[in-house]
Amino acid sequence: MRHFSFLILVIASGLFVRAQSPNILLIIADDLGVDALNGYNLGSINPTTPHLDSLRNNGLTFTNVWSSPVCSPTRAGIMSGKYGIKNGVKTVPG
């Protein structure tokens, strides 16, 4: 009976202790250059992107990032956590 009571206590305590999960929004846009977004100070280029501007103002902005010229290595890198040179996906399959 003691073991059963301990087991119930452990299970019940897990029901009330919940860590708050972070809200993560990852946007992958093919063929989107930095000149198509507002907020990167590119001189006379000033596109109107109010919703993306709101996301940028309330989140993080990475100013020194690199990407592959095609989407397959980037997507494989996100899924594997490795660069394209390490995960073997370097070009578009096919």
N, C-alpha and C. Protein backbone atom coordinates (compact mmCIF):
# COMPACT_ATOMS: atom_id res chain seq x y z
N MET A 1 0.83 -1.19 0.00
CA MET A 1 0.00 0.00 0.00
C MET A 1 0.87 1.26 0.00
N ARG A 2 2.01 1.19 0.70
CA ARG A 2 2.90 2.34 0.76
C ARG A 2 3.45 2.68 -0.61
N HIS A 3 3.82 1.66 -1.37
CA HIS A 3 4.35 1.88 -2.71
C HIS A 3 3.28 2.47 -3.64
N PHE A 4 2.06 1.98 -3.48
CA PHE A 4 0.96 2.48 -4.29
C PHE A 4 0.69 3.95 -3.98
N SER A 5 0.69 4.30 -2.70
CA SER A 5 0.47 5.70 -2.31
C SER A 5 1.57 6.60 -2.84
N PHE A 6 2.82 6.13 -2.78
CA PHE A 6 3.94 6.90 -3.30
C PHE A 6 3.80 7.10 -4.80
N LEU A 7 3.40 6.05 -5.51
CA LEU A 7 3.22 6.14 -6.95
C LEU A 7 2.12 7.13 -7.31
N ILE A 8 1.03 7.11 -6.62
CA ILE A 8 -0.06 8.07 -6.84
C ILE A 8 0.42 9.49 -6.57
N LEU A 9 1.19 9.69 -5.52
CA LEU A 9 1.72 11.01 -5.18
C LEU A 9 2.64 11.53 -6.29
N VAL A 10 3.51 10.68 -6.82
CA VAL A 10 4.43 11.09 -7.88
C VAL A 10 3.65 11.45 -9.15
N ILE A 11 2.68 10.63 -9.51
CA ILE A 11 1.88 10.91 -10.71
C ILE A 11 1.07 12.18 -10.54
N ALA A 12 0.47 12.37 -9.39
CA ALA A 12 -0.34 13.56 -9.14
C ALA A 12 0.50 14.83 -9.13
N SER A 13 1.71 14.75 -8.62
CA SER A 13 2.55 15.95 -8.58
C SER A 13 2.96 16.37 -9.99
N GLY A 14 3.09 15.42 -10.89
CA GLY A 14 3.42 15.75 -12.28
C GLY A 14 2.29 16.43 -13.01
N LEU A 15 1.07 16.25 -12.54
CA LEU A 15 -0.08 16.88 -13.19
C LEU A 15 -0.14 18.37 -12.92
N PHE A 16 0.36 18.80 -11.78
CA PHE A 16 0.24 20.20 -11.39
C PHE A 16 1.47 21.03 -11.74
N VAL A 17 2.59 20.39 -11.98
CA VAL A 17 3.82 21.10 -12.30
C VAL A 17 4.00 21.05 -13.81
N ARG A 18 3.81 22.18 -14.45
CA ARG A 18 3.95 22.25 -15.90
C ARG A 18 4.81 23.43 -16.25
N ALA A 19 5.85 23.18 -17.00
CA ALA A 19 6.69 24.28 -17.48
C ALA A 19 5.99 24.94 -18.66
N GLN A 20 6.09 26.24 -18.71
CA GLN A 20 5.47 26.96 -19.82
C GLN A 20 6.36 26.82 -21.06
N SER A 21 5.78 26.33 -22.12
CA SER A 21 6.52 26.15 -23.36
C SER A 21 6.73 27.49 -24.05
N PRO A 22 7.89 27.68 -24.67
CA PRO A 22 8.11 28.94 -25.40
C PRO A 22 7.33 28.96 -26.70
N ASN A 23 6.95 30.14 -27.13
CA ASN A 23 6.28 30.30 -28.42
C ASN A 23 7.35 30.55 -29.46
N ILE A 24 7.50 29.61 -30.38
CA ILE A 24 8.50 29.72 -31.44
C ILE A 24 7.79 29.73 -32.78
N LEU A 25 8.09 30.73 -33.58
CA LEU A 25 7.55 30.83 -34.93
C LEU A 25 8.71 30.87 -35.89
N LEU A 26 8.82 29.87 -36.72
CA LEU A 26 9.90 29.79 -37.70
C LEU A 26 9.29 29.99 -39.08
N ILE A 27 9.72 31.03 -39.77
CA ILE A 27 9.22 31.32 -41.11
C ILE A 27 10.33 31.02 -42.10
N ILE A 28 10.04 30.12 -43.03
CA ILE A 28 10.97 29.82 -44.12
C ILE A 28 10.32 30.31 -45.40
N ALA A 29 10.96 31.23 -46.07
CA ALA A 29 10.41 31.80 -47.30
C ALA A 29 11.41 31.60 -48.43
N ASP A 30 11.01 30.85 -49.45
CA ASP A 30 11.88 30.64 -50.60
C ASP A 30 11.91 31.90 -51.45
N ASP A 31 13.06 32.18 -52.02
CA ASP A 31 13.26 33.31 -52.94
C ASP A 31 12.91 34.65 -52.31
N LEU A 32 13.21 34.82 -51.05
CA LEU A 32 12.96 36.08 -50.36
C LEU A 32 14.29 36.72 -50.04
N GLY A 33 14.58 37.82 -50.69
CA GLY A 33 15.83 38.53 -50.43
C GLY A 33 15.67 39.53 -49.31
N VAL A 34 16.79 39.98 -48.78
CA VAL A 34 16.76 40.96 -47.69
C VAL A 34 16.16 42.28 -48.17
N ASP A 35 16.22 42.55 -49.47
CA ASP A 35 15.65 43.79 -49.99
C ASP A 35 14.13 43.74 -50.06
N ALA A 36 13.52 42.59 -49.80
CA ALA A 36 12.06 42.47 -49.82
C ALA A 36 11.45 42.71 -48.45
N LEU A 37 12.27 42.97 -47.46
CA LEU A 37 11.79 43.20 -46.10
C LEU A 37 12.17 44.60 -45.63
N ASN A 38 11.33 45.17 -44.83
CA ASN A 38 11.58 46.47 -44.25
C ASN A 38 12.42 46.28 -42.98
N GLY A 39 13.23 47.26 -42.63
CA GLY A 39 13.95 47.20 -41.37
C GLY A 39 15.41 46.84 -41.47
N TYR A 40 15.93 46.66 -42.67
CA TYR A 40 17.34 46.32 -42.81
C TYR A 40 18.16 47.48 -43.36
N ASN A 41 17.59 48.68 -43.38
CA ASN A 41 18.28 49.92 -43.75
C ASN A 41 19.02 49.79 -45.08
N LEU A 42 18.27 49.53 -46.13
CA LEU A 42 18.87 49.37 -47.46
C LEU A 42 18.67 50.61 -48.31
N GLY A 43 18.67 51.77 -47.71
CA GLY A 43 18.59 53.02 -48.46
C GLY A 43 17.19 53.32 -48.94
N SER A 44 17.03 53.46 -50.26
CA SER A 44 15.75 53.89 -50.81
C SER A 44 14.72 52.76 -50.87
N ILE A 45 15.15 51.52 -50.67
CA ILE A 45 14.21 50.40 -50.71
C ILE A 45 13.48 50.34 -49.37
N ASN A 46 12.15 50.49 -49.42
CA ASN A 46 11.36 50.51 -48.19
C ASN A 46 10.01 49.84 -48.45
N PRO A 47 9.98 48.51 -48.55
CA PRO A 47 8.70 47.83 -48.80
C PRO A 47 7.79 47.92 -47.59
N THR A 48 6.49 47.81 -47.83
CA THR A 48 5.50 47.86 -46.76
C THR A 48 5.18 46.44 -46.32
N THR A 49 5.62 46.09 -45.14
CA THR A 49 5.37 44.76 -44.57
C THR A 49 4.97 44.90 -43.10
N PRO A 50 3.76 45.40 -42.81
CA PRO A 50 3.40 45.70 -41.42
C PRO A 50 3.36 44.48 -40.50
N HIS A 51 2.89 43.35 -40.98
CA HIS A 51 2.80 42.18 -40.10
C HIS A 51 4.18 41.59 -39.81
N LEU A 52 5.03 41.53 -40.82
CA LEU A 52 6.39 41.05 -40.58
C LEU A 52 7.17 42.04 -39.73
N ASP A 53 6.91 43.34 -39.90
CA ASP A 53 7.56 44.34 -39.05
C ASP A 53 7.15 44.16 -37.59
N SER A 54 5.89 43.85 -37.36
CA SER A 54 5.41 43.63 -35.99
C SER A 54 6.08 42.41 -35.37
N LEU A 55 6.21 41.33 -36.15
CA LEU A 55 6.91 40.14 -35.65
C LEU A 55 8.36 40.46 -35.33
N ARG A 56 9.01 41.22 -36.20
CA ARG A 56 10.42 41.57 -35.98
C ARG A 56 10.57 42.46 -34.75
N ASN A 57 9.69 43.44 -34.59
CA ASN A 57 9.80 44.37 -33.46
C ASN A 57 9.55 43.69 -32.11
N ASN A 58 8.76 42.62 -32.11
CA ASN A 58 8.44 41.93 -30.86
C ASN A 58 9.24 40.64 -30.66
N GLY A 59 10.20 40.40 -31.53
CA GLY A 59 10.98 39.17 -31.42
C GLY A 59 12.46 39.43 -31.61
N LEU A 60 13.11 38.55 -32.32
CA LEU A 60 14.55 38.64 -32.57
C LEU A 60 14.80 38.97 -34.03
N THR A 61 15.86 39.71 -34.28
CA THR A 61 16.30 39.99 -35.64
C THR A 61 17.75 39.57 -35.75
N PHE A 62 18.01 38.64 -36.64
CA PHE A 62 19.37 38.18 -36.87
C PHE A 62 19.96 38.99 -38.01
N THR A 63 21.09 39.63 -37.78
CA THR A 63 21.68 40.51 -38.79
C THR A 63 22.90 39.90 -39.47
N ASN A 64 23.38 38.78 -39.00
CA ASN A 64 24.54 38.14 -39.61
C ASN A 64 24.22 36.66 -39.80
N VAL A 65 23.44 36.37 -40.83
CA VAL A 65 23.01 34.99 -41.08
C VAL A 65 23.35 34.59 -42.50
N TRP A 66 23.43 33.30 -42.72
CA TRP A 66 23.74 32.77 -44.04
C TRP A 66 22.77 31.65 -44.35
N SER A 67 22.53 31.46 -45.63
CA SER A 67 21.63 30.41 -46.07
C SER A 67 22.15 29.81 -47.36
N SER A 68 21.70 28.61 -47.65
CA SER A 68 22.04 27.99 -48.92
C SER A 68 21.19 28.63 -50.03
N PRO A 69 21.70 28.65 -51.27
CA PRO A 69 20.94 29.28 -52.35
C PRO A 69 19.70 28.49 -52.76
N VAL A 70 19.57 27.25 -52.34
CA VAL A 70 18.37 26.46 -52.58
C VAL A 70 17.83 25.99 -51.23
N CYS A 71 16.57 25.60 -51.20
CA CYS A 71 15.93 25.34 -49.91
C CYS A 71 16.26 23.99 -49.30
N SER A 72 16.61 22.99 -50.09
CA SER A 72 16.82 21.64 -49.55
C SER A 72 17.90 21.57 -48.47
N PRO A 73 19.10 22.15 -48.67
CA PRO A 73 20.10 22.10 -47.60
C PRO A 73 19.67 22.84 -46.34
N THR A 74 18.95 23.94 -46.51
CA THR A 74 18.47 24.69 -45.36
C THR A 74 17.48 23.87 -44.55
N ARG A 75 16.52 23.25 -45.23
CA ARG A 75 15.52 22.44 -44.53
C ARG A 75 16.16 21.22 -43.87
N ALA A 76 17.09 20.58 -44.57
CA ALA A 76 17.78 19.42 -43.98
C ALA A 76 18.61 19.85 -42.77
N GLY A 77 19.18 21.05 -42.83
CA GLY A 77 19.94 21.56 -41.70
C GLY A 77 19.07 21.82 -40.49
N ILE A 78 17.87 22.34 -40.71
CA ILE A 78 16.95 22.59 -39.61
C ILE A 78 16.53 21.27 -38.96
N MET A 79 16.25 20.26 -39.80
CA MET A 79 15.80 18.97 -39.27
C MET A 79 16.92 18.18 -38.61
N SER A 80 18.16 18.31 -39.10
CA SER A 80 19.26 17.51 -38.55
C SER A 80 20.12 18.27 -37.55
N GLY A 81 20.10 19.60 -37.60
CA GLY A 81 20.97 20.39 -36.74
C GLY A 81 22.39 20.48 -37.25
N LYS A 82 22.61 20.09 -38.50
CA LYS A 82 23.95 20.11 -39.09
C LYS A 82 23.95 20.96 -40.35
N TYR A 83 25.11 21.52 -40.68
CA TYR A 83 25.26 22.24 -41.93
C TYR A 83 25.14 21.28 -43.11
N GLY A 84 24.81 21.83 -44.30
CA GLY A 84 24.66 21.00 -45.49
C GLY A 84 25.89 20.19 -45.83
N ILE A 85 27.05 20.71 -45.57
CA ILE A 85 28.28 19.98 -45.86
C ILE A 85 28.43 18.75 -44.96
N LYS A 86 27.79 18.78 -43.78
CA LYS A 86 27.88 17.67 -42.82
C LYS A 86 26.74 16.67 -42.97
N ASN A 87 25.54 17.13 -43.37
CA ASN A 87 24.41 16.21 -43.45
C ASN A 87 24.26 15.58 -44.83
N GLY A 88 25.07 15.99 -45.80
CA GLY A 88 25.06 15.36 -47.11
C GLY A 88 24.08 15.95 -48.10
N VAL A 89 23.24 16.89 -47.68
CA VAL A 89 22.29 17.52 -48.59
C VAL A 89 22.90 18.83 -49.05
N LYS A 90 23.35 18.86 -50.30
CA LYS A 90 24.04 20.05 -50.81
C LYS A 90 23.32 20.69 -51.98
N THR A 91 22.44 19.95 -52.64
CA THR A 91 21.72 20.48 -53.80
C THR A 91 20.27 20.02 -53.75
N VAL A 92 19.51 20.44 -54.74
CA VAL A 92 18.12 20.00 -54.86
C VAL A 92 18.12 18.55 -55.32
N PRO A 93 17.41 17.65 -54.62
CA PRO A 93 17.40 16.26 -55.05
C PRO A 93 16.70 16.11 -56.40
N GLY A 94 17.19 15.18 -57.19
CA GLY A 94 16.50 14.91 -58.46
C GLY A 94 17.35 14.94 -59.65
